[in-house]
Amino acid sequence: MDTDELLRAIVEFLQIWREQAPENVRTSWGMIYRDDRFPLIHQANLGWVATLPEGGPKKIIDDLANAFRGTAVPHHALLFEDAETAFGIQEEFARLGFRP
């Protein structure tokens, strides 16, 4: 099997799986998926980053904090559609104190 085809299939699976989450919060950069039934499972509670917002990583971090405030979710997980984008801004996330 072609690895690009496999990657596309995995990404499609993850998108469908996340759309089943009880709460989907649309953002300027993508979507936050929240499932309070599974607070310790990263894949059930995360931000799906489709594009970088004008506010950059700080906007993403702030949106995650607002979405998970008052819940039992102890982590802030992100999944980027574009791995190169994620790699390019990882240091900025770290400077802002982001720890998944």
PDB file of N, CA and C in Angstrom:
ATOM      1  N   MET A   1       0.845  -1.182   0.000  1.00  0.00           N
ATOM      2  CA  MET A   1       0.000   0.000   0.000  1.00  0.00           C
ATOM      3  C   MET A   1       0.887   1.241   0.000  1.00  0.00           C
ATOM      4  N   ASP A   2       0.512   2.209  -0.767  1.00  0.00           N
ATOM      5  CA  ASP A   2       1.206   3.482  -0.845  1.00  0.00           C
ATOM      6  C   ASP A   2       1.081   4.205   0.497  1.00  0.00           C
ATOM      7  N   THR A   3       2.205   4.704   1.034  1.00  0.00           N
ATOM      8  CA  THR A   3       2.152   5.363   2.345  1.00  0.00           C
ATOM      9  C   THR A   3       1.343   6.654   2.314  1.00  0.00           C
ATOM     10  N   ASP A   4       1.351   7.375   1.197  1.00  0.00           N
ATOM     11  CA  ASP A   4       0.525   8.584   1.095  1.00  0.00           C
ATOM     12  C   ASP A   4      -0.955   8.226   1.174  1.00  0.00           C
ATOM     13  N   GLU A   5      -1.322   7.137   0.525  1.00  0.00           N
ATOM     14  CA  GLU A   5      -2.710   6.679   0.565  1.00  0.00           C
ATOM     15  C   GLU A   5      -3.091   6.256   1.986  1.00  0.00           C
ATOM     16  N   LEU A   6      -2.176   5.580   2.660  1.00  0.00           N
ATOM     17  CA  LEU A   6      -2.421   5.160   4.038  1.00  0.00           C
ATOM     18  C   LEU A   6      -2.593   6.375   4.943  1.00  0.00           C
ATOM     19  N   LEU A   7      -1.737   7.371   4.785  1.00  0.00           N
ATOM     20  CA  LEU A   7      -1.852   8.588   5.589  1.00  0.00           C
ATOM     21  C   LEU A   7      -3.194   9.265   5.357  1.00  0.00           C
ATOM     22  N   ARG A   8      -3.617   9.391   4.108  1.00  0.00           N
ATOM     23  CA  ARG A   8      -4.918  10.006   3.805  1.00  0.00           C
ATOM     24  C   ARG A   8      -6.051   9.226   4.460  1.00  0.00           C
ATOM     25  N   ALA A   9      -5.957   7.906   4.443  1.00  0.00           N
ATOM     26  CA  ALA A   9      -6.993   7.072   5.065  1.00  0.00           C
ATOM     27  C   ALA A   9      -7.026   7.278   6.574  1.00  0.00           C
ATOM     28  N   ILE A  10      -5.863   7.383   7.187  1.00  0.00           N
ATOM     29  CA  ILE A  10      -5.801   7.606   8.634  1.00  0.00           C
ATOM     30  C   ILE A  10      -6.370   8.969   8.984  1.00  0.00           C
ATOM     31  N   VAL A  11      -5.988   9.995   8.242  1.00  0.00           N
ATOM     32  CA  VAL A  11      -6.507  11.343   8.498  1.00  0.00           C
ATOM     33  C   VAL A  11      -8.023  11.366   8.326  1.00  0.00           C
ATOM     34  N   GLU A  12      -8.530  10.724   7.291  1.00  0.00           N
ATOM     35  CA  GLU A  12      -9.977  10.675   7.081  1.00  0.00           C
ATOM     36  C   GLU A  12     -10.667   9.957   8.243  1.00  0.00           C
ATOM     37  N   PHE A  13     -10.091   8.850   8.694  1.00  0.00           N
ATOM     38  CA  PHE A  13     -10.648   8.123   9.834  1.00  0.00           C
ATOM     39  C   PHE A  13     -10.707   9.015  11.069  1.00  0.00           C
ATOM     40  N   LEU A  14      -9.603   9.720  11.349  1.00  0.00           N
ATOM     41  CA  LEU A  14      -9.563  10.586  12.528  1.00  0.00           C
ATOM     42  C   LEU A  14     -10.600  11.700  12.443  1.00  0.00           C
ATOM     43  N   GLN A  15     -10.778  12.270  11.260  1.00  0.00           N
ATOM     44  CA  GLN A  15     -11.777  13.326  11.098  1.00  0.00           C
ATOM     45  C   GLN A  15     -13.180  12.796  11.371  1.00  0.00           C
ATOM     46  N   ILE A  16     -13.505  11.652  10.822  1.00  0.00           N
ATOM     47  CA  ILE A  16     -14.837  11.070  11.037  1.00  0.00           C
ATOM     48  C   ILE A  16     -15.027  10.727  12.507  1.00  0.00           C
ATOM     49  N   TRP A  17     -14.014  10.156  13.124  1.00  0.00           N
ATOM     50  CA  TRP A  17     -14.091   9.779  14.530  1.00  0.00           C
ATOM     51  C   TRP A  17     -14.343  11.002  15.402  1.00  0.00           C
ATOM     52  N   ARG A  18     -13.631  12.083  15.132  1.00  0.00           N
ATOM     53  CA  ARG A  18     -13.775  13.287  15.944  1.00  0.00           C
ATOM     54  C   ARG A  18     -15.128  13.962  15.734  1.00  0.00           C
ATOM     55  N   GLU A  19     -15.662  13.850  14.543  1.00  0.00           N
ATOM     56  CA  GLU A  19     -16.974  14.439  14.288  1.00  0.00           C
ATOM     57  C   GLU A  19     -18.065  13.767  15.113  1.00  0.00           C
ATOM     58  N   GLN A  20     -17.782  12.591  15.648  1.00  0.00           N
ATOM     59  CA  GLN A  20     -18.735  11.893  16.499  1.00  0.00           C
ATOM     60  C   GLN A  20     -18.680  12.389  17.944  1.00  0.00           C
ATOM     61  N   ALA A  21     -17.729  13.251  18.267  1.00  0.00           N
ATOM     62  CA  ALA A  21     -17.614  13.783  19.630  1.00  0.00           C
ATOM     63  C   ALA A  21     -18.882  14.554  19.984  1.00  0.00           C
ATOM     64  N   PRO A  22     -19.310  14.466  21.252  1.00  0.00           N
ATOM     65  CA  PRO A  22     -20.525  15.169  21.663  1.00  0.00           C
ATOM     66  C   PRO A  22     -20.451  16.685  21.472  1.00  0.00           C
ATOM     67  N   GLU A  23     -19.252  17.252  21.586  1.00  0.00           N
ATOM     68  CA  GLU A  23     -19.138  18.702  21.444  1.00  0.00           C
ATOM     69  C   GLU A  23     -18.040  19.044  20.450  1.00  0.00           C
ATOM     70  N   ASN A  24     -18.414  19.775  19.413  1.00  0.00           N
ATOM     71  CA  ASN A  24     -17.479  20.254  18.401  1.00  0.00           C
ATOM     72  C   ASN A  24     -17.549  21.772  18.396  1.00  0.00           C
ATOM     73  N   VAL A  25     -16.416  22.411  18.671  1.00  0.00           N
ATOM     74  CA  VAL A  25     -16.365  23.869  18.720  1.00  0.00           C
ATOM     75  C   VAL A  25     -15.557  24.359  17.530  1.00  0.00           C
ATOM     76  N   ARG A  26     -16.219  25.021  16.583  1.00  0.00           N
ATOM     77  CA  ARG A  26     -15.526  25.557  15.408  1.00  0.00           C
ATOM     78  C   ARG A  26     -14.723  26.788  15.824  1.00  0.00           C
ATOM     79  N   THR A  27     -13.510  26.889  15.310  1.00  0.00           N
ATOM     80  CA  THR A  27     -12.642  28.028  15.592  1.00  0.00           C
ATOM     81  C   THR A  27     -12.161  28.621  14.269  1.00  0.00           C
ATOM     82  N   SER A  28     -11.432  29.727  14.359  1.00  0.00           N
ATOM     83  CA  SER A  28     -10.886  30.343  13.145  1.00  0.00           C
ATOM     84  C   SER A  28      -9.767  29.495  12.546  1.00  0.00           C
ATOM     85  N   TRP A  29      -9.236  28.583  13.300  1.00  0.00           N
ATOM     86  CA  TRP A  29      -8.110  27.759  12.852  1.00  0.00           C
ATOM     87  C   TRP A  29      -8.465  26.299  12.619  1.00  0.00           C
ATOM     88  N   GLY A  30      -9.667  25.896  12.963  1.00  0.00           N
ATOM     89  CA  GLY A  30     -10.066  24.500  12.778  1.00  0.00           C
ATOM     90  C   GLY A  30     -11.222  24.131  13.679  1.00  0.00           C
ATOM     91  N   MET A  31     -11.019  23.111  14.512  1.00  0.00           N
ATOM     92  CA  MET A  31     -12.102  22.608  15.354  1.00  0.00           C
ATOM     93  C   MET A  31     -11.525  22.076  16.660  1.00  0.00           C
ATOM     94  N   ILE A  32     -12.288  22.263  17.736  1.00  0.00           N
ATOM     95  CA  ILE A  32     -11.949  21.650  19.015  1.00  0.00           C
ATOM     96  C   ILE A  32     -12.987  20.569  19.261  1.00  0.00           C
ATOM     97  N   TYR A  33     -12.495  19.366  19.507  1.00  0.00           N
ATOM     98  CA  TYR A  33     -13.370  18.225  19.777  1.00  0.00           C
ATOM     99  C   TYR A  33     -13.287  17.907  21.261  1.00  0.00           C
ATOM    100  N   ARG A  34     -14.461  17.788  21.882  1.00  0.00           N
ATOM    101  CA  ARG A  34     -14.493  17.543  23.322  1.00  0.00           C
ATOM    102  C   ARG A  34     -15.482  16.439  23.640  1.00  0.00           C
ATOM    103  N   ASP A  35     -15.017  15.480  24.417  1.00  0.00           N
ATOM    104  CA  ASP A  35     -15.878  14.385  24.856  1.00  0.00           C
ATOM    105  C   ASP A  35     -15.618  14.163  26.340  1.00  0.00           C
ATOM    106  N   ASP A  36     -16.472  14.745  27.171  1.00  0.00           N
ATOM    107  CA  ASP A  36     -16.299  14.681  28.622  1.00  0.00           C
ATOM    108  C   ASP A  36     -16.391  13.258  29.169  1.00  0.00           C
ATOM    109  N   ARG A  37     -16.884  12.328  28.370  1.00  0.00           N
ATOM    110  CA  ARG A  37     -16.953  10.929  28.817  1.00  0.00           C
ATOM    111  C   ARG A  37     -15.567  10.305  28.908  1.00  0.00           C
ATOM    112  N   PHE A  38     -14.607  10.867  28.172  1.00  0.00           N
ATOM    113  CA  PHE A  38     -13.262  10.291  28.107  1.00  0.00           C
ATOM    114  C   PHE A  38     -12.204  11.376  28.348  1.00  0.00           C
ATOM    115  N   PRO A  39     -12.141  11.951  29.549  1.00  0.00           N
ATOM    116  CA  PRO A  39     -11.244  13.085  29.785  1.00  0.00           C
ATOM    117  C   PRO A  39      -9.759  12.757  29.678  1.00  0.00           C
ATOM    118  N   LEU A  40      -9.377  11.512  29.841  1.00  0.00           N
ATOM    119  CA  LEU A  40      -7.960  11.159  29.806  1.00  0.00           C
ATOM    120  C   LEU A  40      -7.479  10.692  28.443  1.00  0.00           C
ATOM    121  N   ILE A  41      -8.367  10.620  27.473  1.00  0.00           N
ATOM    122  CA  ILE A  41      -7.991  10.155  26.141  1.00  0.00           C
ATOM    123  C   ILE A  41      -7.725  11.360  25.240  1.00  0.00           C
ATOM    124  N   HIS A  42      -6.463  11.509  24.849  1.00  0.00           N
ATOM    125  CA  HIS A  42      -6.061  12.662  24.042  1.00  0.00           C
ATOM    126  C   HIS A  42      -6.863  12.778  22.752  1.00  0.00           C
ATOM    127  N   GLN A  43      -7.092  11.662  22.065  1.00  0.00           N
ATOM    128  CA  GLN A  43      -7.777  11.705  20.784  1.00  0.00           C
ATOM    129  C   GLN A  43      -9.247  12.080  20.918  1.00  0.00           C
ATOM    130  N   ALA A  44      -9.810  11.967  22.106  1.00  0.00           N
ATOM    131  CA  ALA A  44     -11.213  12.328  22.309  1.00  0.00           C
ATOM    132  C   ALA A  44     -11.370  13.805  22.646  1.00  0.00           C
ATOM    133  N   ASN A  45     -10.278  14.470  22.982  1.00  0.00           N
ATOM    134  CA  ASN A  45     -10.319  15.866  23.418  1.00  0.00           C
ATOM    135  C   ASN A  45      -9.109  16.591  22.850  1.00  0.00           C
ATOM    136  N   LEU A  46      -9.302  17.237  21.722  1.00  0.00           N
ATOM    137  CA  LEU A  46      -8.152  17.893  21.106  1.00  0.00           C
ATOM    138  C   LEU A  46      -8.572  18.980  20.136  1.00  0.00           C
ATOM    139  N   GLY A  47      -7.576  19.735  19.720  1.00  0.00           N
ATOM    140  CA  GLY A  47      -7.776  20.738  18.693  1.00  0.00           C
ATOM    141  C   GLY A  47      -7.234  20.226  17.374  1.00  0.00           C
ATOM    142  N   TRP A  48      -8.045  20.348  16.332  1.00  0.00           N
ATOM    143  CA  TRP A  48      -7.652  19.943  14.980  1.00  0.00           C
ATOM    144  C   TRP A  48      -7.302  21.223  14.235  1.00  0.00           C
ATOM    145  N   VAL A  49      -6.023  21.423  13.927  1.00  0.00           N
ATOM    146  CA  VAL A  49      -5.555  22.668  13.323  1.00  0.00           C
ATOM    147  C   VAL A  49      -5.507  22.515  11.808  1.00  0.00           C
ATOM    148  N   ALA A  50      -6.411  23.219  11.125  1.00  0.00           N
ATOM    149  CA  ALA A  50      -6.458  23.192   9.663  1.00  0.00           C
ATOM    150  C   ALA A  50      -5.589  24.303   9.077  1.00  0.00           C
ATOM    151  N   THR A  51      -5.621  25.478   9.709  1.00  0.00           N
ATOM    152  CA  THR A  51      -4.825  26.624   9.267  1.00  0.00           C
ATOM    153  C   THR A  51      -4.378  27.412  10.489  1.00  0.00           C
ATOM    154  N   LEU A  52      -3.310  28.164  10.332  1.00  0.00           N
ATOM    155  CA  LEU A  52      -2.866  29.003  11.440  1.00  0.00           C
ATOM    156  C   LEU A  52      -3.723  30.263  11.507  1.00  0.00           C
ATOM    157  N   PRO A  53      -4.191  30.631  12.697  1.00  0.00           N
ATOM    158  CA  PRO A  53      -4.994  31.845  12.823  1.00  0.00           C
ATOM    159  C   PRO A  53      -4.104  33.085  12.833  1.00  0.00           C
ATOM    160  N   GLU A  54      -4.722  34.241  12.677  1.00  0.00           N
ATOM    161  CA  GLU A  54      -3.968  35.497  12.719  1.00  0.00           C
ATOM    162  C   GLU A  54      -3.217  35.654  14.029  1.00  0.00           C
ATOM    163  N   GLY A  55      -3.790  35.198  15.120  1.00  0.00           N
ATOM    164  CA  GLY A  55      -3.144  35.308  16.426  1.00  0.00           C
ATOM    165  C   GLY A  55      -2.051  34.288  16.665  1.00  0.00           C
ATOM    166  N   GLY A  56      -1.817  33.413  15.687  1.00  0.00           N
ATOM    167  CA  GLY A  56      -0.777  32.402  15.807  1.00  0.00           C
ATOM    168  C   GLY A  56      -1.051  31.408  16.919  1.00  0.00           C
ATOM    169  N   PRO A  57       0.011  30.764  17.409  1.00  0.00           N
ATOM    170  CA  PRO A  57      -0.152  29.756  18.449  1.00  0.00           C
ATOM    171  C   PRO A  57      -0.852  30.261  19.709  1.00  0.00           C
ATOM    172  N   LYS A  58      -0.657  31.528  20.063  1.00  0.00           N
ATOM    173  CA  LYS A  58      -1.316  32.060  21.264  1.00  0.00           C
ATOM    174  C   LYS A  58      -2.829  31.961  21.145  1.00  0.00           C
ATOM    175  N   LYS A  59      -3.374  32.256  19.989  1.00  0.00           N
ATOM    176  CA  LYS A  59      -4.821  32.156  19.759  1.00  0.00           C
ATOM    177  C   LYS A  59      -5.285  30.711  19.948  1.00  0.00           C
ATOM    178  N   ILE A  60      -4.524  29.765  19.428  1.00  0.00           N
ATOM    179  CA  ILE A  60      -4.879  28.350  19.558  1.00  0.00           C
ATOM    180  C   ILE A  60      -4.867  27.935  21.028  1.00  0.00           C
ATOM    181  N   ILE A  61      -3.805  28.298  21.742  1.00  0.00           N
ATOM    182  CA  ILE A  61      -3.687  27.957  23.161  1.00  0.00           C
ATOM    183  C   ILE A  61      -4.832  28.564  23.960  1.00  0.00           C
ATOM    184  N   ASP A  62      -5.157  29.828  23.693  1.00  0.00           N
ATOM    185  CA  ASP A  62      -6.260  30.491  24.406  1.00  0.00           C
ATOM    186  C   ASP A  62      -7.598  29.809  24.123  1.00  0.00           C
ATOM    187  N   ASP A  63      -7.838  29.450  22.875  1.00  0.00           N
ATOM    188  CA  ASP A  63      -9.092  28.771  22.522  1.00  0.00           C
ATOM    189  C   ASP A  63      -9.201  27.413  23.216  1.00  0.00           C
ATOM    190  N   LEU A  64      -8.093  26.675  23.271  1.00  0.00           N
ATOM    191  CA  LEU A  64      -8.104  25.381  23.965  1.00  0.00           C
ATOM    192  C   LEU A  64      -8.401  25.568  25.448  1.00  0.00           C
ATOM    193  N   ALA A  65      -7.756  26.558  26.062  1.00  0.00           N
ATOM    194  CA  ALA A  65      -7.979  26.814  27.490  1.00  0.00           C
ATOM    195  C   ALA A  65      -9.444  27.127  27.758  1.00  0.00           C
ATOM    196  N   ASN A  66     -10.046  27.944  26.906  1.00  0.00           N
ATOM    197  CA  ASN A  66     -11.463  28.288  27.081  1.00  0.00           C
ATOM    198  C   ASN A  66     -12.363  27.073  26.889  1.00  0.00           C
ATOM    199  N   ALA A  67     -12.062  26.245  25.909  1.00  0.00           N
ATOM    200  CA  ALA A  67     -12.907  25.083  25.613  1.00  0.00           C
ATOM    201  C   ALA A  67     -12.864  24.031  26.715  1.00  0.00           C
ATOM    202  N   PHE A  68     -11.716  23.892  27.377  1.00  0.00           N
ATOM    203  CA  PHE A  68     -11.572  22.835  28.378  1.00  0.00           C
ATOM    204  C   PHE A  68     -11.626  23.338  29.815  1.00  0.00           C
ATOM    205  N   ARG A  69     -11.810  24.638  29.991  1.00  0.00           N
ATOM    206  CA  ARG A  69     -11.925  25.195  31.344  1.00  0.00           C
ATOM    207  C   ARG A  69     -13.114  24.552  32.059  1.00  0.00           C
ATOM    208  N   GLY A  70     -12.888  24.133  33.296  1.00  0.00           N
ATOM    209  CA  GLY A  70     -13.963  23.552  34.085  1.00  0.00           C
ATOM    210  C   GLY A  70     -14.269  22.097  33.773  1.00  0.00           C
ATOM    211  N   THR A  71     -13.440  21.468  32.948  1.00  0.00           N
ATOM    212  CA  THR A  71     -13.650  20.050  32.620  1.00  0.00           C
ATOM    213  C   THR A  71     -12.580  19.214  33.330  1.00  0.00           C
ATOM    214  N   ALA A  72     -12.710  17.918  33.233  1.00  0.00           N
ATOM    215  CA  ALA A  72     -11.734  17.002  33.831  1.00  0.00           C
ATOM    216  C   ALA A  72     -10.581  16.686  32.878  1.00  0.00           C
ATOM    217  N   VAL A  73     -10.533  17.345  31.730  1.00  0.00           N
ATOM    218  CA  VAL A  73      -9.478  17.088  30.737  1.00  0.00           C
ATOM    219  C   VAL A  73      -8.187  17.763  31.207  1.00  0.00           C
ATOM    220  N   PRO A  74      -7.146  16.969  31.545  1.00  0.00           N
ATOM    221  CA  PRO A  74      -5.915  17.545  32.087  1.00  0.00           C
ATOM    222  C   PRO A  74      -4.881  17.948  31.034  1.00  0.00           C
ATOM    223  N   HIS A  75      -5.148  17.705  29.767  1.00  0.00           N
ATOM    224  CA  HIS A  75      -4.158  17.942  28.717  1.00  0.00           C
ATOM    225  C   HIS A  75      -4.749  18.842  27.627  1.00  0.00           C
ATOM    226  N   HIS A  76      -3.865  19.416  26.839  1.00  0.00           N
ATOM    227  CA  HIS A  76      -4.263  20.157  25.643  1.00  0.00           C
ATOM    228  C   HIS A  76      -3.517  19.531  24.480  1.00  0.00           C
ATOM    229  N   ALA A  77      -4.225  18.757  23.697  1.00  0.00           N
ATOM    230  CA  ALA A  77      -3.613  18.061  22.567  1.00  0.00           C
ATOM    231  C   ALA A  77      -4.009  18.739  21.260  1.00  0.00           C
ATOM    232  N   LEU A  78      -3.089  18.727  20.315  1.00  0.00           N
ATOM    233  CA  LEU A  78      -3.338  19.299  18.992  1.00  0.00           C
ATOM    234  C   LEU A  78      -2.942  18.297  17.919  1.00  0.00           C
ATOM    235  N   LEU A  79      -3.693  18.326  16.843  1.00  0.00           N
ATOM    236  CA  LEU A  79      -3.363  17.560  15.649  1.00  0.00           C
ATOM    237  C   LEU A  79      -3.379  18.539  14.483  1.00  0.00           C
ATOM    238  N   PHE A  80      -2.294  18.604  13.739  1.00  0.00           N
ATOM    239  CA  PHE A  80      -2.187  19.508  12.602  1.00  0.00           C
ATOM    240  C   PHE A  80      -2.424  18.747  11.310  1.00  0.00           C
ATOM    241  N   GLU A  81      -3.185  19.344  10.411  1.00  0.00           N
ATOM    242  CA  GLU A  81      -3.362  18.736   9.089  1.00  0.00           C
ATOM    243  C   GLU A  81      -2.057  18.739   8.320  1.00  0.00           C
ATOM    244  N   ASP A  82      -1.236  19.754   8.543  1.00  0.00           N
ATOM    245  CA  ASP A  82       0.023  19.890   7.815  1.00  0.00           C
ATOM    246  C   ASP A  82       1.190  19.764   8.795  1.00  0.00           C
ATOM    247  N   ALA A  83       1.931  18.675   8.695  1.00  0.00           N
ATOM    248  CA  ALA A  83       3.045  18.426   9.606  1.00  0.00           C
ATOM    249  C   ALA A  83       4.138  19.484   9.480  1.00  0.00           C
ATOM    250  N   GLU A  84       4.355  20.010   8.281  1.00  0.00           N
ATOM    251  CA  GLU A  84       5.377  21.040   8.101  1.00  0.00           C
ATOM    252  C   GLU A  84       5.004  22.312   8.848  1.00  0.00           C
ATOM    253  N   THR A  85       3.734  22.658   8.839  1.00  0.00           N
ATOM    254  CA  THR A  85       3.268  23.826   9.590  1.00  0.00           C
ATOM    255  C   THR A  85       3.519  23.609  11.075  1.00  0.00           C
ATOM    256  N   ALA A  86       3.165  22.439  11.580  1.00  0.00           N
ATOM    257  CA  ALA A  86       3.365  22.121  12.996  1.00  0.00           C
ATOM    258  C   ALA A  86       4.840  22.220  13.363  1.00  0.00           C
ATOM    259  N   PHE A  87       5.692  21.666  12.533  1.00  0.00           N
ATOM    260  CA  PHE A  87       7.123  21.694  12.798  1.00  0.00           C
ATOM    261  C   PHE A  87       7.639  23.131  12.821  1.00  0.00           C
ATOM    262  N   GLY A  88       7.144  23.943  11.898  1.00  0.00           N
ATOM    263  CA  GLY A  88       7.616  25.316  11.781  1.00  0.00           C
ATOM    264  C   GLY A  88       7.260  26.217  12.953  1.00  0.00           C
ATOM    265  N   ILE A  89       6.231  25.874  13.702  1.00  0.00           N
ATOM    266  CA  ILE A  89       5.819  26.747  14.813  1.00  0.00           C
ATOM    267  C   ILE A  89       5.968  26.093  16.182  1.00  0.00           C
ATOM    268  N   GLN A  90       6.576  24.918  16.236  1.00  0.00           N
ATOM    269  CA  GLN A  90       6.688  24.222  17.515  1.00  0.00           C
ATOM    270  C   GLN A  90       7.477  25.015  18.555  1.00  0.00           C
ATOM    271  N   GLU A  91       8.502  25.730  18.146  1.00  0.00           N
ATOM    272  CA  GLU A  91       9.281  26.509  19.110  1.00  0.00           C
ATOM    273  C   GLU A  91       8.466  27.661  19.677  1.00  0.00           C
ATOM    274  N   GLU A  92       7.614  28.262  18.859  1.00  0.00           N
ATOM    275  CA  GLU A  92       6.755  29.342  19.358  1.00  0.00           C
ATOM    276  C   GLU A  92       5.776  28.800  20.395  1.00  0.00           C
ATOM    277  N   PHE A  93       5.221  27.623  20.150  1.00  0.00           N
ATOM    278  CA  PHE A  93       4.354  26.977  21.142  1.00  0.00           C
ATOM    279  C   PHE A  93       5.123  26.761  22.444  1.00  0.00           C
ATOM    280  N   ALA A  94       6.348  26.260  22.345  1.00  0.00           N
ATOM    281  CA  ALA A  94       7.167  25.994  23.536  1.00  0.00           C
ATOM    282  C   ALA A  94       7.468  27.285  24.286  1.00  0.00           C
ATOM    283  N   ARG A  95       7.784  28.365  23.566  1.00  0.00           N
ATOM    284  CA  ARG A  95       8.050  29.655  24.215  1.00  0.00           C
ATOM    285  C   ARG A  95       6.837  30.162  24.984  1.00  0.00           C
ATOM    286  N   LEU A  96       5.652  29.819  24.499  1.00  0.00           N
ATOM    287  CA  LEU A  96       4.418  30.241  25.171  1.00  0.00           C
ATOM    288  C   LEU A  96       4.048  29.312  26.326  1.00  0.00           C
ATOM    289  N   GLY A  97       4.879  28.303  26.563  1.00  0.00           N
ATOM    290  CA  GLY A  97       4.643  27.391  27.675  1.00  0.00           C
ATOM    291  C   GLY A  97       3.708  26.244  27.361  1.00  0.00           C
ATOM    292  N   PHE A  98       3.394  26.043  26.079  1.00  0.00           N
ATOM    293  CA  PHE A  98       2.481  24.959  25.709  1.00  0.00           C
ATOM    294  C   PHE A  98       3.136  23.615  25.938  1.00  0.00           C
ATOM    295  N   ARG A  99       2.441  22.780  26.672  1.00  0.00           N
ATOM    296  CA  ARG A  99       2.875  21.405  26.909  1.00  0.00           C
ATOM    297  C   ARG A  99       1.671  20.505  26.701  1.00  0.00           C
ATOM    298  N   PRO A 100       1.700  19.673  25.665  1.00  0.00           N
ATOM    299  CA  PRO A 100       0.539  18.810  25.407  1.00  0.00           C
ATOM    300  C   PRO A 100       0.341  17.776  26.511  1.00  0.00           C
TER     301      PRO A 100
END
